[in-house]
N, C-alpha and C. Protein backbone atom coordinates (compact mmCIF):
# COMPACT_ATOMS: atom_id res chain seq x y z
N MET A 1 -45.07 15.76 -39.41
CA MET A 1 -43.73 15.59 -39.93
C MET A 1 -42.78 16.58 -39.28
N MET A 2 -43.25 17.84 -39.19
CA MET A 2 -42.46 18.89 -38.58
C MET A 2 -42.21 18.56 -37.12
N GLU A 3 -43.22 17.97 -36.48
CA GLU A 3 -43.11 17.62 -35.07
C GLU A 3 -42.01 16.57 -34.86
N ASN A 4 -41.90 15.57 -35.73
CA ASN A 4 -40.86 14.54 -35.65
C ASN A 4 -39.47 15.15 -35.84
N THR A 5 -39.35 16.13 -36.71
CA THR A 5 -38.07 16.79 -36.96
C THR A 5 -37.64 17.55 -35.71
N ILE A 6 -38.58 18.23 -35.07
CA ILE A 6 -38.26 18.99 -33.85
C ILE A 6 -37.84 18.04 -32.73
N LYS A 7 -38.58 16.92 -32.58
CA LYS A 7 -38.23 15.93 -31.55
C LYS A 7 -36.84 15.36 -31.82
N SER A 8 -36.54 15.05 -33.06
CA SER A 8 -35.23 14.50 -33.41
C SER A 8 -34.12 15.50 -33.13
N ALA A 9 -34.37 16.76 -33.44
CA ALA A 9 -33.38 17.81 -33.19
C ALA A 9 -33.15 17.98 -31.69
N MET A 10 -34.25 17.92 -30.92
CA MET A 10 -34.12 18.06 -29.46
C MET A 10 -33.36 16.88 -28.87
N LEU A 11 -33.67 15.68 -29.29
CA LEU A 11 -32.95 14.50 -28.80
C LEU A 11 -31.47 14.56 -29.16
N CYS A 12 -31.20 15.00 -30.37
CA CYS A 12 -29.82 15.15 -30.81
C CYS A 12 -29.09 16.19 -29.95
N GLY A 13 -29.78 17.30 -29.64
CA GLY A 13 -29.19 18.34 -28.80
C GLY A 13 -28.90 17.85 -27.39
N VAL A 14 -29.85 17.10 -26.82
CA VAL A 14 -29.64 16.54 -25.48
C VAL A 14 -28.47 15.57 -25.49
N PHE A 15 -28.40 14.72 -26.50
CA PHE A 15 -27.31 13.77 -26.62
C PHE A 15 -25.96 14.49 -26.72
N LEU A 16 -25.87 15.53 -27.54
CA LEU A 16 -24.63 16.28 -27.69
C LEU A 16 -24.25 16.99 -26.39
N LEU A 17 -25.25 17.50 -25.67
CA LEU A 17 -24.99 18.16 -24.39
C LEU A 17 -24.42 17.17 -23.39
N LEU A 18 -25.02 15.99 -23.30
CA LEU A 18 -24.54 14.96 -22.38
C LEU A 18 -23.13 14.49 -22.77
N ALA A 19 -22.88 14.36 -24.04
CA ALA A 19 -21.56 13.92 -24.52
C ALA A 19 -20.49 14.96 -24.22
N ALA A 20 -20.87 16.23 -24.17
CA ALA A 20 -19.91 17.30 -23.93
C ALA A 20 -19.56 17.46 -22.45
N LEU A 21 -20.42 16.93 -21.54
CA LEU A 21 -20.14 17.05 -20.11
C LEU A 21 -18.90 16.24 -19.76
N PRO A 22 -18.08 16.76 -18.85
CA PRO A 22 -16.90 16.00 -18.46
C PRO A 22 -17.31 14.72 -17.73
N ALA A 23 -16.58 13.66 -18.00
CA ALA A 23 -16.86 12.39 -17.34
C ALA A 23 -16.38 12.46 -15.90
N PRO A 24 -17.10 11.86 -14.98
CA PRO A 24 -16.65 11.88 -13.59
C PRO A 24 -15.32 11.15 -13.46
N ALA A 25 -14.46 11.67 -12.59
CA ALA A 25 -13.15 11.03 -12.39
C ALA A 25 -13.36 9.65 -11.79
N GLN A 26 -12.66 8.68 -12.34
CA GLN A 26 -12.78 7.33 -11.83
C GLN A 26 -11.71 7.11 -10.78
N LYS A 27 -12.12 6.47 -9.69
CA LYS A 27 -11.16 6.12 -8.66
C LYS A 27 -10.34 4.94 -9.14
N SER A 28 -9.11 4.92 -8.71
CA SER A 28 -8.24 3.82 -9.05
C SER A 28 -8.72 2.56 -8.34
N SER A 29 -8.63 1.45 -9.00
CA SER A 29 -9.07 0.18 -8.44
C SER A 29 -7.85 -0.63 -8.03
N TRP A 30 -7.77 -0.98 -6.76
CA TRP A 30 -6.66 -1.76 -6.23
C TRP A 30 -7.15 -3.16 -5.91
N ARG A 31 -6.27 -4.13 -6.13
CA ARG A 31 -6.59 -5.53 -5.82
C ARG A 31 -5.35 -6.18 -5.20
N GLN A 32 -5.57 -7.33 -4.58
CA GLN A 32 -4.47 -8.08 -4.00
C GLN A 32 -3.53 -8.54 -5.12
N ALA A 33 -2.24 -8.35 -4.95
CA ALA A 33 -1.26 -8.78 -5.94
C ALA A 33 -1.04 -10.29 -5.81
N THR A 34 -0.77 -10.93 -6.93
CA THR A 34 -0.50 -12.37 -6.93
C THR A 34 0.94 -12.63 -6.49
N ALA A 35 1.22 -13.87 -6.14
CA ALA A 35 2.58 -14.25 -5.73
C ALA A 35 3.58 -13.96 -6.85
N ALA A 36 3.19 -14.25 -8.08
CA ALA A 36 4.08 -14.00 -9.23
C ALA A 36 4.34 -12.50 -9.40
N GLU A 37 3.31 -11.68 -9.24
CA GLU A 37 3.48 -10.23 -9.35
C GLU A 37 4.40 -9.71 -8.25
N LEU A 38 4.21 -10.21 -7.04
CA LEU A 38 5.05 -9.77 -5.92
C LEU A 38 6.51 -10.17 -6.15
N GLN A 39 6.71 -11.36 -6.67
CA GLN A 39 8.07 -11.82 -6.94
C GLN A 39 8.74 -10.97 -8.02
N SER A 40 7.94 -10.43 -8.93
CA SER A 40 8.51 -9.61 -10.01
C SER A 40 8.89 -8.21 -9.53
N VAL A 41 8.30 -7.74 -8.43
CA VAL A 41 8.56 -6.37 -7.98
C VAL A 41 9.42 -6.31 -6.72
N LEU A 42 9.37 -7.33 -5.88
CA LEU A 42 10.14 -7.32 -4.64
C LEU A 42 11.48 -8.05 -4.84
N PRO A 43 12.55 -7.53 -4.28
CA PRO A 43 13.86 -8.16 -4.46
C PRO A 43 14.07 -9.35 -3.52
N SER A 44 14.89 -10.30 -3.94
CA SER A 44 15.24 -11.41 -3.05
C SER A 44 16.25 -10.94 -2.01
N ARG A 45 16.98 -9.87 -2.33
CA ARG A 45 17.89 -9.21 -1.39
C ARG A 45 17.59 -7.71 -1.45
N ALA A 46 17.04 -7.20 -0.37
CA ALA A 46 16.60 -5.81 -0.33
C ALA A 46 17.76 -4.87 -0.02
N PRO A 47 17.91 -3.80 -0.81
CA PRO A 47 18.95 -2.81 -0.52
C PRO A 47 18.53 -1.92 0.65
N VAL A 48 19.12 -2.19 1.81
CA VAL A 48 18.82 -1.42 3.02
C VAL A 48 20.13 -0.85 3.54
N GLU A 49 20.19 0.47 3.53
CA GLU A 49 21.41 1.21 3.88
C GLU A 49 22.56 0.66 3.03
N SER A 50 23.62 0.16 3.63
CA SER A 50 24.77 -0.29 2.84
C SER A 50 24.77 -1.80 2.59
N GLU A 51 23.66 -2.47 2.93
CA GLU A 51 23.61 -3.93 2.81
C GLU A 51 22.51 -4.38 1.86
N HIS A 52 22.60 -5.61 1.45
CA HIS A 52 21.54 -6.25 0.66
C HIS A 52 21.05 -7.43 1.49
N ILE A 53 19.91 -7.21 2.16
CA ILE A 53 19.39 -8.15 3.15
C ILE A 53 18.40 -9.10 2.50
N GLU A 54 18.55 -10.39 2.81
CA GLU A 54 17.65 -11.40 2.27
C GLU A 54 16.21 -11.13 2.71
N THR A 55 15.29 -11.47 1.82
CA THR A 55 13.86 -11.33 2.13
C THR A 55 13.24 -12.72 2.19
N GLU A 56 12.15 -12.81 2.92
CA GLU A 56 11.40 -14.06 3.05
C GLU A 56 10.18 -13.96 2.14
N MET A 57 10.35 -14.37 0.88
CA MET A 57 9.34 -14.13 -0.15
C MET A 57 7.98 -14.75 0.17
N ARG A 58 7.95 -15.81 0.96
CA ARG A 58 6.64 -16.40 1.29
C ARG A 58 5.81 -15.48 2.18
N THR A 59 6.43 -14.44 2.75
CA THR A 59 5.70 -13.48 3.58
C THR A 59 5.27 -12.25 2.79
N ALA A 60 5.60 -12.21 1.51
CA ALA A 60 5.31 -11.03 0.68
C ALA A 60 3.81 -10.79 0.58
N SER A 61 3.45 -9.51 0.58
CA SER A 61 2.06 -9.11 0.43
C SER A 61 2.03 -7.76 -0.25
N GLY A 62 0.96 -7.50 -0.98
CA GLY A 62 0.86 -6.20 -1.62
C GLY A 62 -0.42 -6.07 -2.42
N ILE A 63 -0.58 -4.84 -2.90
CA ILE A 63 -1.72 -4.52 -3.75
C ILE A 63 -1.20 -3.88 -5.03
N VAL A 64 -2.00 -3.95 -6.08
CA VAL A 64 -1.63 -3.40 -7.37
C VAL A 64 -2.88 -2.75 -7.98
N ASP A 65 -2.68 -1.65 -8.71
CA ASP A 65 -3.83 -1.01 -9.36
C ASP A 65 -3.83 -1.32 -10.86
N GLU A 66 -4.83 -0.79 -11.56
CA GLU A 66 -4.97 -1.09 -12.99
C GLU A 66 -3.85 -0.48 -13.83
N HIS A 67 -3.04 0.41 -13.24
CA HIS A 67 -1.91 1.00 -13.95
C HIS A 67 -0.60 0.24 -13.68
N GLY A 68 -0.68 -0.82 -12.90
CA GLY A 68 0.50 -1.62 -12.59
C GLY A 68 1.35 -1.03 -11.48
N ARG A 69 0.79 -0.12 -10.68
CA ARG A 69 1.52 0.46 -9.55
C ARG A 69 1.30 -0.43 -8.32
N PHE A 70 2.39 -0.70 -7.62
CA PHE A 70 2.35 -1.58 -6.46
C PHE A 70 2.59 -0.82 -5.16
N ILE A 71 2.01 -1.34 -4.11
CA ILE A 71 2.39 -1.06 -2.74
C ILE A 71 2.58 -2.46 -2.17
N ALA A 72 3.84 -2.83 -1.93
CA ALA A 72 4.14 -4.22 -1.58
C ALA A 72 5.27 -4.27 -0.56
N GLY A 73 5.21 -5.30 0.26
CA GLY A 73 6.23 -5.45 1.28
C GLY A 73 6.56 -6.90 1.53
N VAL A 74 7.64 -7.09 2.29
CA VAL A 74 8.12 -8.43 2.59
C VAL A 74 8.94 -8.37 3.88
N VAL A 75 9.00 -9.49 4.59
CA VAL A 75 9.80 -9.57 5.81
C VAL A 75 11.28 -9.68 5.44
N LEU A 76 12.10 -8.94 6.21
CA LEU A 76 13.56 -8.99 6.05
C LEU A 76 14.13 -10.05 6.99
N ILE A 77 15.12 -10.80 6.52
CA ILE A 77 15.84 -11.74 7.37
C ILE A 77 17.10 -11.02 7.82
N THR A 78 17.01 -10.36 8.97
CA THR A 78 18.07 -9.44 9.40
C THR A 78 19.15 -10.07 10.27
N ALA A 79 19.01 -11.33 10.65
CA ALA A 79 20.02 -11.96 11.50
C ALA A 79 21.40 -11.84 10.86
N GLY A 80 22.34 -11.32 11.62
CA GLY A 80 23.70 -11.16 11.13
C GLY A 80 23.96 -9.87 10.39
N TYR A 81 22.95 -9.06 10.20
CA TYR A 81 23.10 -7.77 9.53
C TYR A 81 23.02 -6.64 10.56
N SER A 82 23.54 -5.48 10.22
CA SER A 82 23.48 -4.34 11.13
C SER A 82 22.04 -3.87 11.34
N ALA A 83 21.14 -4.26 10.45
CA ALA A 83 19.73 -3.87 10.56
C ALA A 83 18.97 -4.70 11.59
N GLU A 84 19.60 -5.73 12.13
CA GLU A 84 18.93 -6.61 13.09
C GLU A 84 18.41 -5.80 14.28
N GLY A 85 17.14 -5.94 14.59
CA GLY A 85 16.52 -5.21 15.68
C GLY A 85 16.06 -3.81 15.29
N LYS A 86 16.52 -3.31 14.16
CA LYS A 86 16.14 -1.97 13.71
C LYS A 86 15.00 -2.03 12.69
N TYR A 87 15.12 -2.95 11.73
CA TYR A 87 14.11 -3.12 10.68
C TYR A 87 13.60 -4.55 10.67
N SER A 88 12.35 -4.70 10.28
CA SER A 88 11.78 -6.04 10.16
C SER A 88 11.16 -6.27 8.78
N HIS A 89 10.86 -5.20 8.06
CA HIS A 89 10.16 -5.31 6.78
C HIS A 89 10.74 -4.34 5.75
N TYR A 90 10.54 -4.69 4.49
CA TYR A 90 10.94 -3.87 3.35
C TYR A 90 9.67 -3.55 2.58
N LEU A 91 9.54 -2.30 2.12
CA LEU A 91 8.31 -1.85 1.48
C LEU A 91 8.64 -1.07 0.21
N ILE A 92 7.96 -1.42 -0.88
CA ILE A 92 8.05 -0.67 -2.14
C ILE A 92 6.73 0.06 -2.34
N VAL A 93 6.82 1.36 -2.58
CA VAL A 93 5.65 2.20 -2.77
C VAL A 93 5.75 2.84 -4.16
N GLN A 94 4.79 2.57 -5.03
CA GLN A 94 4.80 3.14 -6.38
C GLN A 94 3.66 4.14 -6.60
N ALA A 95 2.90 4.41 -5.56
CA ALA A 95 1.85 5.44 -5.58
C ALA A 95 1.87 6.09 -4.20
N PRO A 96 1.68 7.39 -4.12
CA PRO A 96 1.70 8.04 -2.81
C PRO A 96 0.69 7.39 -1.86
N VAL A 97 1.12 7.15 -0.64
CA VAL A 97 0.25 6.50 0.34
C VAL A 97 0.52 7.13 1.71
N GLU A 98 -0.51 7.17 2.51
CA GLU A 98 -0.38 7.64 3.89
C GLU A 98 -0.72 6.46 4.79
N ILE A 99 0.27 6.01 5.56
CA ILE A 99 0.07 4.87 6.45
C ILE A 99 0.09 5.39 7.88
N GLY A 100 -1.07 5.34 8.53
CA GLY A 100 -1.17 5.82 9.90
C GLY A 100 -0.73 7.26 10.06
N GLY A 101 -0.96 8.07 9.05
CA GLY A 101 -0.58 9.48 9.11
C GLY A 101 0.82 9.77 8.61
N VAL A 102 1.59 8.74 8.28
CA VAL A 102 2.95 8.94 7.74
C VAL A 102 2.84 8.93 6.21
N ALA A 103 3.17 10.06 5.59
CA ALA A 103 3.08 10.19 4.13
C ALA A 103 4.32 9.57 3.49
N LEU A 104 4.10 8.60 2.61
CA LEU A 104 5.19 7.96 1.88
C LEU A 104 5.05 8.26 0.40
N LYS A 105 6.09 8.85 -0.17
CA LYS A 105 6.14 9.10 -1.61
C LYS A 105 6.61 7.82 -2.29
N PRO A 106 6.42 7.71 -3.61
CA PRO A 106 6.95 6.54 -4.29
C PRO A 106 8.44 6.37 -3.97
N GLY A 107 8.79 5.16 -3.59
CA GLY A 107 10.17 4.86 -3.22
C GLY A 107 10.26 3.55 -2.46
N GLU A 108 11.41 3.33 -1.84
CA GLU A 108 11.67 2.10 -1.11
C GLU A 108 11.93 2.44 0.36
N TYR A 109 11.32 1.66 1.24
CA TYR A 109 11.37 1.92 2.67
C TYR A 109 11.68 0.65 3.44
N ALA A 110 12.29 0.82 4.59
CA ALA A 110 12.47 -0.26 5.56
C ALA A 110 11.73 0.20 6.80
N PHE A 111 11.02 -0.73 7.42
CA PHE A 111 10.35 -0.35 8.66
C PHE A 111 10.50 -1.43 9.71
N GLY A 112 10.39 -0.99 10.94
CA GLY A 112 10.48 -1.88 12.08
C GLY A 112 9.51 -1.42 13.13
N TRP A 113 9.44 -2.15 14.23
CA TRP A 113 8.48 -1.83 15.26
C TRP A 113 9.03 -2.22 16.62
N SER A 114 8.43 -1.63 17.65
CA SER A 114 8.74 -2.02 19.02
C SER A 114 7.42 -2.07 19.78
N ARG A 115 7.42 -2.86 20.84
CA ARG A 115 6.19 -3.05 21.62
C ARG A 115 6.54 -3.08 23.10
N GLU A 116 5.76 -2.35 23.86
CA GLU A 116 5.93 -2.42 25.31
C GLU A 116 5.35 -3.75 25.79
N GLU A 117 5.93 -4.29 26.84
CA GLU A 117 5.48 -5.56 27.41
C GLU A 117 3.97 -5.52 27.67
N GLY A 118 3.25 -6.45 27.04
CA GLY A 118 1.81 -6.56 27.25
C GLY A 118 0.99 -5.45 26.63
N GLY A 119 1.62 -4.57 25.87
CA GLY A 119 0.90 -3.45 25.28
C GLY A 119 0.00 -3.86 24.12
N ASP A 120 -0.99 -3.03 23.86
CA ASP A 120 -1.91 -3.28 22.76
C ASP A 120 -1.59 -2.44 21.53
N THR A 121 -0.40 -1.84 21.51
CA THR A 121 0.04 -1.09 20.33
C THR A 121 1.49 -1.40 20.01
N LEU A 122 1.80 -1.25 18.75
CA LEU A 122 3.19 -1.31 18.28
C LEU A 122 3.57 0.10 17.85
N SER A 123 4.76 0.50 18.14
CA SER A 123 5.29 1.76 17.61
C SER A 123 6.07 1.40 16.35
N VAL A 124 5.58 1.85 15.20
CA VAL A 124 6.16 1.48 13.91
C VAL A 124 6.88 2.69 13.33
N HIS A 125 8.14 2.48 12.92
CA HIS A 125 8.93 3.56 12.33
C HIS A 125 9.27 3.22 10.88
N PHE A 126 9.05 4.20 10.00
CA PHE A 126 9.33 4.05 8.57
C PHE A 126 10.59 4.84 8.24
N ASN A 127 11.52 4.19 7.54
CA ASN A 127 12.78 4.82 7.16
C ASN A 127 13.01 4.64 5.67
N GLN A 128 13.74 5.59 5.07
CA GLN A 128 14.15 5.41 3.68
C GLN A 128 15.11 4.23 3.65
N ALA A 129 14.89 3.29 2.76
CA ALA A 129 15.72 2.09 2.73
C ALA A 129 17.18 2.42 2.40
N ALA A 130 17.40 3.30 1.45
CA ALA A 130 18.77 3.58 0.99
C ALA A 130 19.63 4.25 2.05
N THR A 131 19.03 5.14 2.83
CA THR A 131 19.82 5.94 3.78
C THR A 131 19.54 5.64 5.24
N GLY A 132 18.41 5.04 5.54
CA GLY A 132 18.02 4.81 6.93
C GLY A 132 17.39 6.04 7.57
N ALA A 133 17.23 7.12 6.82
CA ALA A 133 16.65 8.35 7.37
C ALA A 133 15.20 8.10 7.78
N LEU A 134 14.86 8.53 9.00
CA LEU A 134 13.51 8.36 9.50
C LEU A 134 12.54 9.23 8.71
N VAL A 135 11.45 8.61 8.26
CA VAL A 135 10.40 9.33 7.54
C VAL A 135 9.26 9.67 8.50
N GLY A 136 8.95 8.75 9.39
CA GLY A 136 7.89 9.00 10.36
C GLY A 136 7.60 7.79 11.21
N THR A 137 6.85 8.03 12.27
CA THR A 137 6.48 6.98 13.22
C THR A 137 4.97 7.02 13.44
N THR A 138 4.38 5.85 13.60
CA THR A 138 2.95 5.74 13.85
C THR A 138 2.70 4.55 14.77
N ASP A 139 1.46 4.39 15.21
CA ASP A 139 1.09 3.26 16.05
C ASP A 139 0.24 2.27 15.27
N ALA A 140 0.49 1.00 15.51
CA ALA A 140 -0.37 -0.07 15.01
C ALA A 140 -1.14 -0.57 16.23
N HIS A 141 -2.43 -0.76 16.07
CA HIS A 141 -3.28 -1.17 17.18
C HIS A 141 -3.74 -2.60 17.00
N ARG A 142 -3.91 -3.29 18.13
CA ARG A 142 -4.36 -4.68 18.10
C ARG A 142 -5.71 -4.75 17.39
N ILE A 143 -5.87 -5.72 16.51
CA ILE A 143 -7.12 -5.93 15.79
C ILE A 143 -8.12 -6.56 16.76
N ALA A 144 -9.29 -5.98 16.88
CA ALA A 144 -10.32 -6.48 17.80
C ALA A 144 -10.79 -7.87 17.38
N GLY A 145 -11.12 -8.67 18.37
CA GLY A 145 -11.60 -10.02 18.09
C GLY A 145 -10.45 -10.94 17.77
N SER A 146 -10.76 -12.10 17.31
CA SER A 146 -9.70 -13.04 16.95
C SER A 146 -9.40 -12.88 15.47
N SER A 147 -8.15 -12.64 15.18
CA SER A 147 -7.76 -12.49 13.78
C SER A 147 -6.56 -13.39 13.52
N ARG A 148 -6.41 -13.75 12.29
CA ARG A 148 -5.28 -14.58 11.89
C ARG A 148 -4.00 -13.75 12.00
N VAL A 149 -2.97 -14.34 12.53
CA VAL A 149 -1.68 -13.67 12.65
C VAL A 149 -1.01 -13.70 11.27
N GLU A 150 -0.59 -12.52 10.80
CA GLU A 150 0.07 -12.39 9.50
C GLU A 150 1.42 -11.72 9.72
N SER A 151 2.48 -12.26 9.12
CA SER A 151 3.78 -11.59 9.18
C SER A 151 3.66 -10.20 8.59
N LEU A 152 2.97 -10.11 7.48
CA LEU A 152 2.66 -8.86 6.81
C LEU A 152 1.51 -9.11 5.85
N ARG A 153 0.53 -8.24 5.89
CA ARG A 153 -0.54 -8.31 4.90
C ARG A 153 -1.01 -6.90 4.61
N ILE A 154 -0.97 -6.55 3.35
CA ILE A 154 -1.49 -5.26 2.90
C ILE A 154 -2.84 -5.57 2.24
N TRP A 155 -3.90 -5.17 2.91
CA TRP A 155 -5.25 -5.45 2.45
C TRP A 155 -5.64 -4.44 1.36
N PRO A 156 -6.36 -4.87 0.32
CA PRO A 156 -6.86 -3.91 -0.68
C PRO A 156 -7.81 -2.91 -0.03
N PRO A 157 -7.82 -1.65 -0.52
CA PRO A 157 -8.68 -0.62 0.08
C PRO A 157 -10.16 -1.01 0.12
N GLU A 158 -10.62 -1.75 -0.86
CA GLU A 158 -12.04 -2.13 -0.88
C GLU A 158 -12.37 -3.10 0.23
N ASP A 159 -11.36 -3.81 0.76
CA ASP A 159 -11.60 -4.78 1.83
C ASP A 159 -11.48 -4.14 3.21
N LYS A 160 -10.25 -3.69 3.55
CA LYS A 160 -10.04 -3.17 4.90
C LYS A 160 -9.19 -1.91 4.99
N SER A 161 -8.40 -1.57 4.00
CA SER A 161 -7.50 -0.41 4.05
C SER A 161 -6.59 -0.43 5.27
N ILE A 162 -5.99 -1.59 5.53
CA ILE A 162 -5.05 -1.69 6.64
C ILE A 162 -3.79 -2.42 6.20
N VAL A 163 -2.70 -2.10 6.89
CA VAL A 163 -1.47 -2.88 6.80
C VAL A 163 -1.44 -3.68 8.10
N GLN A 164 -1.43 -5.00 7.97
CA GLN A 164 -1.47 -5.87 9.15
C GLN A 164 -0.09 -6.43 9.42
N ILE A 165 0.35 -6.29 10.68
CA ILE A 165 1.61 -6.84 11.15
C ILE A 165 1.26 -7.69 12.37
N GLY A 166 1.39 -9.00 12.24
CA GLY A 166 0.97 -9.88 13.34
C GLY A 166 -0.52 -9.76 13.58
N ARG A 167 -0.90 -9.38 14.82
CA ARG A 167 -2.31 -9.14 15.15
C ARG A 167 -2.61 -7.65 15.24
N PHE A 168 -1.73 -6.84 14.67
CA PHE A 168 -1.85 -5.39 14.76
C PHE A 168 -2.12 -4.80 13.38
N ALA A 169 -2.76 -3.64 13.35
CA ALA A 169 -3.12 -3.01 12.07
C ALA A 169 -2.87 -1.51 12.10
N ILE A 170 -2.49 -1.00 10.93
CA ILE A 170 -2.34 0.44 10.70
C ILE A 170 -3.23 0.79 9.52
N PRO A 171 -4.12 1.77 9.66
CA PRO A 171 -4.93 2.17 8.52
C PRO A 171 -4.09 2.94 7.50
N TYR A 172 -4.48 2.84 6.23
CA TYR A 172 -3.77 3.59 5.18
C TYR A 172 -4.76 4.16 4.18
N LYS A 173 -4.28 5.18 3.45
CA LYS A 173 -5.04 5.80 2.36
C LYS A 173 -4.09 5.98 1.19
N VAL A 174 -4.51 5.53 0.02
CA VAL A 174 -3.72 5.72 -1.20
C VAL A 174 -4.17 7.00 -1.85
N SER A 175 -3.20 7.84 -2.24
CA SER A 175 -3.50 9.07 -2.95
C SER A 175 -3.62 8.75 -4.43
N GLU A 176 -4.59 9.31 -5.08
CA GLU A 176 -4.79 9.03 -6.51
C GLU A 176 -4.05 10.02 -7.39
N LYS A 177 -3.21 10.86 -6.81
CA LYS A 177 -2.46 11.88 -7.57
C LYS A 177 -1.40 11.26 -8.41
């Protein structure tokens, strides 16, 4: 009888010890955002510098986490705007992210790219959407093999951790801070 009491006390002690240990930090889970979610977060006219530029919602792409934070973008229709040739995409960031080494804080960005004739890289520049101030520049590299051409696709981290522009990709990392 005494032996059963000691075993019960020991099991209870082990259980309490395990319950008192801090739980391991869980990584945020990101998934592809639905068309309806993207439409709810991306504007039909993006505020870029002093203009409100139309967006092509069928090109929208993004990811969302379990807290409802988005990293989402869409192609800008810049014809007739001062942004023509300067920007091609609009991006909303609701969690800190590093795209190709360019750190983006939560906010709104416009980005564009240039390519040398026949080159295998794009030079991509990220700017604050409201002011046009340059945040940083990085390279997008041609995706090896045959890949589907995408106007814009932000892949979930569990799949590829890349932002795809055409046949080019930029790796990214989401900060969990």
